[in-house]
Amino acid sequence: MKVDWEYSDKAIVIQGETKEYKEELAAIGGKFNAMLRGGPGWVFSKRNKTKVEEFMKKQSMTATQTSIV
């Protein structure tokens, strides 16, 4: 997954392999959009930046733990 923190003046976008996280992304305020530049992804208001940062940190930690095992 990748995050575009400056997708627009008001939006943050997460793109990539997000299907397994769809419920969590929706719960933190994301809206799925299949027609974004760069491909489908989840759009968040910049007001939700902290929640998006926490989600990405959690995913980063999970990926690191999985690769260590």
C-alpha atoms as a PDB file:
ATOM      1  CA  MET A   1       0.000   0.000   0.000  1.00  0.00           C
ATOM      2  CA  LYS A   2       1.076   3.541  -0.626  1.00  0.00           C
ATOM      3  CA  VAL A   3      -0.228   6.825   0.721  1.00  0.00           C
ATOM      4  CA  ASP A   4      -0.462  10.072  -1.202  1.00  0.00           C
ATOM      5  CA  TRP A   5      -0.633  12.658   1.588  1.00  0.00           C
ATOM      6  CA  GLU A   6      -1.094  15.469  -0.963  1.00  0.00           C
ATOM      7  CA  TYR A   7      -3.568  13.899  -3.424  1.00  0.00           C
ATOM      8  CA  SER A   8      -5.500  17.180  -3.346  1.00  0.00           C
ATOM      9  CA  ASP A   9      -5.935  20.201  -1.099  1.00  0.00           C
ATOM     10  CA  LYS A  10      -8.498  18.306   0.958  1.00  0.00           C
ATOM     11  CA  ALA A  11      -7.763  14.609   0.430  1.00  0.00           C
ATOM     12  CA  ILE A  12      -5.363  11.816   1.311  1.00  0.00           C
ATOM     13  CA  VAL A  13      -5.415   8.611  -0.768  1.00  0.00           C
ATOM     14  CA  ILE A  14      -4.341   5.047   0.001  1.00  0.00           C
ATOM     15  CA  GLN A  15      -3.816   2.828  -3.047  1.00  0.00           C
ATOM     16  CA  GLY A  16      -2.562  -0.687  -3.618  1.00  0.00           C
ATOM     17  CA  GLU A  17      -3.539  -4.015  -2.082  1.00  0.00           C
ATOM     18  CA  THR A  18      -6.278  -2.813   0.275  1.00  0.00           C
ATOM     19  CA  LYS A  19      -9.038  -5.405  -0.138  1.00  0.00           C
ATOM     20  CA  GLU A  20      -8.330  -7.251   3.129  1.00  0.00           C
ATOM     21  CA  TYR A  21      -8.479  -3.921   5.017  1.00  0.00           C
ATOM     22  CA  LYS A  22     -11.692  -2.541   3.483  1.00  0.00           C
ATOM     23  CA  GLU A  23     -13.754  -2.647   6.694  1.00  0.00           C
ATOM     24  CA  GLU A  24     -11.033  -0.943   8.729  1.00  0.00           C
ATOM     25  CA  LEU A  25     -10.465   1.700   6.025  1.00  0.00           C
ATOM     26  CA  ALA A  26     -14.187   2.454   5.903  1.00  0.00           C
ATOM     27  CA  ALA A  27     -14.326   2.603   9.719  1.00  0.00           C
ATOM     28  CA  ILE A  28     -11.671   5.338   9.823  1.00  0.00           C
ATOM     29  CA  GLY A  29     -13.585   7.450   7.314  1.00  0.00           C
ATOM     30  CA  GLY A  30     -12.368   6.216   3.930  1.00  0.00           C
ATOM     31  CA  LYS A  31     -14.471   6.059   0.799  1.00  0.00           C
ATOM     32  CA  PHE A  32     -13.463   3.644  -1.969  1.00  0.00           C
ATOM     33  CA  ASN A  33     -13.120   5.164  -5.429  1.00  0.00           C
ATOM     34  CA  ALA A  34     -12.259   3.005  -8.428  1.00  0.00           C
ATOM     35  CA  MET A  35     -11.663   6.014 -10.699  1.00  0.00           C
ATOM     36  CA  LEU A  36      -8.728   7.797  -9.015  1.00  0.00           C
ATOM     37  CA  ARG A  37      -5.685   8.914 -10.972  1.00  0.00           C
ATOM     38  CA  GLY A  38      -3.115   6.197 -10.410  1.00  0.00           C
ATOM     39  CA  GLY A  39      -5.748   3.494  -9.981  1.00  0.00           C
ATOM     40  CA  PRO A  40      -8.419   2.556  -7.451  1.00  0.00           C
ATOM     41  CA  GLY A  41      -8.006   3.493  -3.824  1.00  0.00           C
ATOM     42  CA  TRP A  42      -9.434   4.910  -0.632  1.00  0.00           C
ATOM     43  CA  VAL A  43     -10.020   8.642  -0.204  1.00  0.00           C
ATOM     44  CA  PHE A  44      -9.835  10.315   3.211  1.00  0.00           C
ATOM     45  CA  SER A  45     -10.408  13.872   4.326  1.00  0.00           C
ATOM     46  CA  LYS A  46      -7.201  15.484   5.551  1.00  0.00           C
ATOM     47  CA  ARG A  47      -9.077  15.925   8.835  1.00  0.00           C
ATOM     48  CA  ASN A  48      -8.561  12.155   9.277  1.00  0.00           C
ATOM     49  CA  LYS A  49      -4.776  12.371   8.831  1.00  0.00           C
ATOM     50  CA  THR A  50      -4.052  11.093  12.352  1.00  0.00           C
ATOM     51  CA  LYS A  51      -6.270   8.033  11.835  1.00  0.00           C
ATOM     52  CA  VAL A  52      -4.627   7.289   8.484  1.00  0.00           C
ATOM     53  CA  GLU A  53      -1.158   7.639  10.052  1.00  0.00           C
ATOM     54  CA  GLU A  54      -2.119   5.239  12.848  1.00  0.00           C
ATOM     55  CA  PHE A  55      -3.518   2.724  10.332  1.00  0.00           C
ATOM     56  CA  MET A  56      -0.380   2.861   8.197  1.00  0.00           C
ATOM     57  CA  LYS A  57       1.888   2.538  11.244  1.00  0.00           C
ATOM     58  CA  LYS A  58      -0.072  -0.535  12.349  1.00  0.00           C
ATOM     59  CA  GLN A  59       0.219  -2.069   8.868  1.00  0.00           C
ATOM     60  CA  SER A  60       3.951  -1.338   8.766  1.00  0.00           C
ATOM     61  CA  MET A  61       4.472  -3.020  12.131  1.00  0.00           C
ATOM     62  CA  THR A  62       2.395  -6.054  11.048  1.00  0.00           C
ATOM     63  CA  ALA A  63       4.393  -6.400   7.822  1.00  0.00           C
ATOM     64  CA  THR A  64       7.674  -6.216   9.729  1.00  0.00           C
ATOM     65  CA  GLN A  65       6.561  -8.853  12.223  1.00  0.00           C
ATOM     66  CA  THR A  66       5.362 -11.139   9.419  1.00  0.00           C
ATOM     67  CA  SER A  67       8.662 -10.884   7.541  1.00  0.00           C
ATOM     68  CA  ILE A  68      10.665 -11.653  10.694  1.00  0.00           C
ATOM     69  CA  VAL A  69       8.794 -14.899  11.358  1.00  0.00           C
END
